[in-house]
Amino acid sequence: MRKILYSIISLLFMTLLTGCGNKEVVKCKTKFDESELEYEITLKENKVTDIELELIYDLSNFPQDYINIFNEEDLCLYIKNDLEDYKKAFVNCKQKLKDKKIIINAEIDPKKSTDHVMKERTTAKNIKEDYEKEGYTCTIK
């Protein structure tokens, strides 16, 4: 009975050390012109493991013809080509039109990035401070 109890306690301890307590998520948002941009950056053991972004273009001030043209363009490709350090890392990009807004959701795989910062150790607090210097509003979960 003691061996079982020790095994359960050991497994629980290992799970706590390697899993739950070491994961942090930084959410940063900004607005510019008719657009909103939000990043969700996940860190595990002070290393960036995942980045998700959402970009919303509000086209409600544009005529429907322009909205149709924007919607037919592959905006994911434009964004990917604009992010020099993330071309290979920019994955799973989806674009949709909803209520005269084009919504783009994508992931950035830090392992495929050529940006050395994504491969270094950092903290959620440092990321939050860096984005806030750029005008973003950030929270840490």
C-alpha atoms as a PDB file:
ATOM      1  CA  MET A   1       0.000   0.000   0.000  1.00  0.00           C
ATOM      2  CA  ARG A   2       2.843   2.366   0.825  1.00  0.00           C
ATOM      3  CA  LYS A   3       4.516   1.722  -2.527  1.00  0.00           C
ATOM      4  CA  ILE A   4       1.312   2.632  -4.351  1.00  0.00           C
ATOM      5  CA  LEU A   5       0.936   5.787  -2.276  1.00  0.00           C
ATOM      6  CA  TYR A   6       4.565   6.791  -2.934  1.00  0.00           C
ATOM      7  CA  SER A   7       4.097   6.102  -6.656  1.00  0.00           C
ATOM      8  CA  ILE A   8       0.982   8.276  -6.818  1.00  0.00           C
ATOM      9  CA  ILE A   9       2.670  11.105  -4.900  1.00  0.00           C
ATOM     10  CA  SER A  10       5.763  10.859  -7.145  1.00  0.00           C
ATOM     11  CA  LEU A  11       3.680  10.999 -10.317  1.00  0.00           C
ATOM     12  CA  LEU A  12       1.688  13.947  -9.003  1.00  0.00           C
ATOM     13  CA  PHE A  13       4.880  15.778  -8.036  1.00  0.00           C
ATOM     14  CA  MET A  14       6.465  15.151 -11.465  1.00  0.00           C
ATOM     15  CA  THR A  15       3.316  16.372 -13.221  1.00  0.00           C
ATOM     16  CA  LEU A  16       3.305  19.571 -11.198  1.00  0.00           C
ATOM     17  CA  LEU A  17       6.985  20.212 -11.892  1.00  0.00           C
ATOM     18  CA  THR A  18       6.870  19.590 -15.626  1.00  0.00           C
ATOM     19  CA  GLY A  19       3.423  20.763 -16.587  1.00  0.00           C
ATOM     20  CA  CYS A  20       0.908  23.143 -15.181  1.00  0.00           C
ATOM     21  CA  GLY A  21       2.957  25.598 -13.173  1.00  0.00           C
ATOM     22  CA  ASN A  22       5.438  26.456 -15.919  1.00  0.00           C
ATOM     23  CA  LYS A  23       3.022  27.614 -18.615  1.00  0.00           C
ATOM     24  CA  GLU A  24       2.204  31.294 -19.093  1.00  0.00           C
ATOM     25  CA  VAL A  25       0.193  33.084 -21.760  1.00  0.00           C
ATOM     26  CA  VAL A  26       0.738  36.707 -22.745  1.00  0.00           C
ATOM     27  CA  LYS A  27      -2.129  38.411 -24.612  1.00  0.00           C
ATOM     28  CA  CYS A  28      -1.381  41.705 -26.321  1.00  0.00           C
ATOM     29  CA  LYS A  29      -3.771  43.935 -28.293  1.00  0.00           C
ATOM     30  CA  THR A  30      -3.489  47.121 -30.285  1.00  0.00           C
ATOM     31  CA  LYS A  31      -5.662  49.198 -32.608  1.00  0.00           C
ATOM     32  CA  PHE A  32      -4.582  51.295 -35.568  1.00  0.00           C
ATOM     33  CA  ASP A  33      -6.709  52.988 -38.213  1.00  0.00           C
ATOM     34  CA  GLU A  34      -9.536  50.537 -38.965  1.00  0.00           C
ATOM     35  CA  SER A  35      -7.630  47.520 -37.701  1.00  0.00           C
ATOM     36  CA  GLU A  36      -7.135  45.513 -34.533  1.00  0.00           C
ATOM     37  CA  LEU A  37      -4.250  43.144 -33.860  1.00  0.00           C
ATOM     38  CA  GLU A  38      -4.032  40.621 -31.034  1.00  0.00           C
ATOM     39  CA  TYR A  39      -1.212  38.231 -30.172  1.00  0.00           C
ATOM     40  CA  GLU A  40      -1.422  35.290 -27.789  1.00  0.00           C
ATOM     41  CA  ILE A  41       2.060  34.092 -26.894  1.00  0.00           C
ATOM     42  CA  THR A  42       2.456  30.876 -24.921  1.00  0.00           C
ATOM     43  CA  LEU A  43       5.607  30.202 -22.917  1.00  0.00           C
ATOM     44  CA  LYS A  44       6.640  27.033 -21.182  1.00  0.00           C
ATOM     45  CA  GLU A  45       9.672  27.094 -18.905  1.00  0.00           C
ATOM     46  CA  ASN A  46      10.483  30.639 -20.138  1.00  0.00           C
ATOM     47  CA  LYS A  47      10.605  29.596 -23.784  1.00  0.00           C
ATOM     48  CA  VAL A  48       8.095  30.650 -26.431  1.00  0.00           C
ATOM     49  CA  THR A  49       6.239  27.537 -27.599  1.00  0.00           C
ATOM     50  CA  ASP A  50       3.335  28.997 -29.585  1.00  0.00           C
ATOM     51  CA  ILE A  51       2.161  32.292 -31.042  1.00  0.00           C
ATOM     52  CA  GLU A  52      -1.343  32.923 -32.331  1.00  0.00           C
ATOM     53  CA  LEU A  53      -2.453  36.128 -33.946  1.00  0.00           C
ATOM     54  CA  GLU A  54      -5.739  37.650 -34.978  1.00  0.00           C
ATOM     55  CA  LEU A  55      -5.912  40.621 -37.305  1.00  0.00           C
ATOM     56  CA  ILE A  56      -9.245  42.324 -37.955  1.00  0.00           C
ATOM     57  CA  TYR A  57      -9.691  44.841 -40.768  1.00  0.00           C
ATOM     58  CA  ASP A  58     -12.888  46.871 -40.379  1.00  0.00           C
ATOM     59  CA  LEU A  59     -14.106  47.614 -43.889  1.00  0.00           C
ATOM     60  CA  SER A  60     -17.485  49.091 -42.959  1.00  0.00           C
ATOM     61  CA  ASN A  61     -16.465  52.506 -44.382  1.00  0.00           C
ATOM     62  CA  PHE A  62     -15.652  50.983 -47.770  1.00  0.00           C
ATOM     63  CA  PRO A  63     -18.056  50.319 -50.660  1.00  0.00           C
ATOM     64  CA  GLN A  64     -19.099  46.702 -51.115  1.00  0.00           C
ATOM     65  CA  ASP A  65     -17.045  46.422 -54.339  1.00  0.00           C
ATOM     66  CA  TYR A  66     -13.852  47.111 -52.380  1.00  0.00           C
ATOM     67  CA  ILE A  67     -14.857  44.689 -49.662  1.00  0.00           C
ATOM     68  CA  ASN A  68     -15.326  41.989 -52.302  1.00  0.00           C
ATOM     69  CA  ILE A  69     -11.895  42.714 -53.778  1.00  0.00           C
ATOM     70  CA  PHE A  70     -10.230  42.564 -50.343  1.00  0.00           C
ATOM     71  CA  ASN A  71     -12.003  39.307 -49.596  1.00  0.00           C
ATOM     72  CA  GLU A  72     -10.858  37.712 -52.861  1.00  0.00           C
ATOM     73  CA  GLU A  73      -7.194  38.553 -52.179  1.00  0.00           C
ATOM     74  CA  ASP A  74      -5.043  36.132 -50.227  1.00  0.00           C
ATOM     75  CA  LEU A  75      -4.159  38.503 -47.397  1.00  0.00           C
ATOM     76  CA  CYS A  76      -2.421  35.672 -45.550  1.00  0.00           C
ATOM     77  CA  LEU A  77       0.174  35.592 -48.314  1.00  0.00           C
ATOM     78  CA  TYR A  78       0.743  39.351 -48.050  1.00  0.00           C
ATOM     79  CA  ILE A  79       1.232  39.150 -44.298  1.00  0.00           C
ATOM     80  CA  LYS A  80       3.517  36.134 -44.558  1.00  0.00           C
ATOM     81  CA  ASN A  81       5.723  37.906 -47.105  1.00  0.00           C
ATOM     82  CA  ASP A  82       5.842  40.992 -44.891  1.00  0.00           C
ATOM     83  CA  LEU A  83       7.162  39.065 -41.871  1.00  0.00           C
ATOM     84  CA  GLU A  84      10.736  38.403 -42.988  1.00  0.00           C
ATOM     85  CA  ASP A  85      11.824  36.389 -39.927  1.00  0.00           C
ATOM     86  CA  TYR A  86       8.640  34.331 -39.880  1.00  0.00           C
ATOM     87  CA  LYS A  87       8.062  33.243 -43.503  1.00  0.00           C
ATOM     88  CA  LYS A  88       8.584  29.548 -42.761  1.00  0.00           C
ATOM     89  CA  ALA A  89       7.021  29.842 -39.315  1.00  0.00           C
ATOM     90  CA  PHE A  90       3.747  31.462 -40.442  1.00  0.00           C
ATOM     91  CA  VAL A  91       1.306  28.532 -40.551  1.00  0.00           C
ATOM     92  CA  ASN A  92      -2.409  27.731 -40.489  1.00  0.00           C
ATOM     93  CA  CYS A  93      -3.525  31.122 -41.738  1.00  0.00           C
ATOM     94  CA  LYS A  94      -7.250  31.511 -42.350  1.00  0.00           C
ATOM     95  CA  GLN A  95      -9.164  34.496 -43.621  1.00  0.00           C
ATOM     96  CA  LYS A  96     -12.903  35.126 -43.431  1.00  0.00           C
ATOM     97  CA  LEU A  97     -15.346  37.968 -44.028  1.00  0.00           C
ATOM     98  CA  LYS A  98     -17.871  38.683 -41.282  1.00  0.00           C
ATOM     99  CA  ASP A  99     -19.983  41.814 -40.774  1.00  0.00           C
ATOM    100  CA  LYS A 100     -17.864  43.853 -43.207  1.00  0.00           C
ATOM    101  CA  LYS A 101     -14.707  42.851 -41.368  1.00  0.00           C
ATOM    102  CA  ILE A 102     -11.949  40.657 -42.694  1.00  0.00           C
ATOM    103  CA  ILE A 103     -10.667  38.457 -39.892  1.00  0.00           C
ATOM    104  CA  ILE A 104      -7.311  36.732 -40.236  1.00  0.00           C
ATOM    105  CA  ASN A 105      -6.239  34.057 -37.766  1.00  0.00           C
ATOM    106  CA  ALA A 106      -2.801  32.476 -37.938  1.00  0.00           C
ATOM    107  CA  GLU A 107      -0.156  30.690 -35.937  1.00  0.00           C
ATOM    108  CA  ILE A 108       3.561  31.317 -35.827  1.00  0.00           C
ATOM    109  CA  ASP A 109       5.727  28.309 -35.011  1.00  0.00           C
ATOM    110  CA  PRO A 110       8.727  29.684 -33.079  1.00  0.00           C
ATOM    111  CA  LYS A 111      10.806  26.594 -33.925  1.00  0.00           C
ATOM    112  CA  LYS A 112      10.634  27.494 -37.619  1.00  0.00           C
ATOM    113  CA  SER A 113      11.355  31.190 -37.108  1.00  0.00           C
ATOM    114  CA  THR A 114      14.689  32.730 -38.046  1.00  0.00           C
ATOM    115  CA  ASP A 115      14.178  35.349 -35.326  1.00  0.00           C
ATOM    116  CA  HIS A 116      16.795  34.460 -32.695  1.00  0.00           C
ATOM    117  CA  VAL A 117      14.674  36.039 -29.936  1.00  0.00           C
ATOM    118  CA  MET A 118      12.040  33.312 -30.390  1.00  0.00           C
ATOM    119  CA  LYS A 119      14.665  30.665 -29.700  1.00  0.00           C
ATOM    120  CA  GLU A 120      16.104  32.292 -26.574  1.00  0.00           C
ATOM    121  CA  ARG A 121      14.820  32.050 -23.036  1.00  0.00           C
ATOM    122  CA  THR A 122      12.630  34.944 -21.943  1.00  0.00           C
ATOM    123  CA  THR A 123       9.858  35.654 -19.494  1.00  0.00           C
ATOM    124  CA  ALA A 124       6.221  36.557 -19.896  1.00  0.00           C
ATOM    125  CA  LYS A 125       6.960  39.796 -18.059  1.00  0.00           C
ATOM    126  CA  ASN A 126       9.698  40.737 -20.576  1.00  0.00           C
ATOM    127  CA  ILE A 127       7.421  40.033 -23.538  1.00  0.00           C
ATOM    128  CA  LYS A 128       4.623  42.060 -21.938  1.00  0.00           C
ATOM    129  CA  GLU A 129       6.953  45.005 -21.326  1.00  0.00           C
ATOM    130  CA  ASP A 130       8.375  44.877 -24.875  1.00  0.00           C
ATOM    131  CA  TYR A 131       4.918  44.898 -26.475  1.00  0.00           C
ATOM    132  CA  GLU A 132       3.677  47.637 -24.151  1.00  0.00           C
ATOM    133  CA  LYS A 133       6.616  49.818 -25.256  1.00  0.00           C
ATOM    134  CA  GLU A 134       5.232  49.414 -28.790  1.00  0.00           C
ATOM    135  CA  GLY A 135       1.785  50.649 -27.705  1.00  0.00           C
ATOM    136  CA  TYR A 136       0.058  47.303 -27.041  1.00  0.00           C
ATOM    137  CA  THR A 137      -2.126  46.573 -24.028  1.00  0.00           C
ATOM    138  CA  CYS A 138      -1.055  43.246 -22.504  1.00  0.00           C
ATOM    139  CA  THR A 139      -2.096  40.773 -19.827  1.00  0.00           C
ATOM    140  CA  ILE A 140      -0.429  37.639 -18.458  1.00  0.00           C
ATOM    141  CA  LYS A 141      -2.406  34.524 -17.545  1.00  0.00           C
END
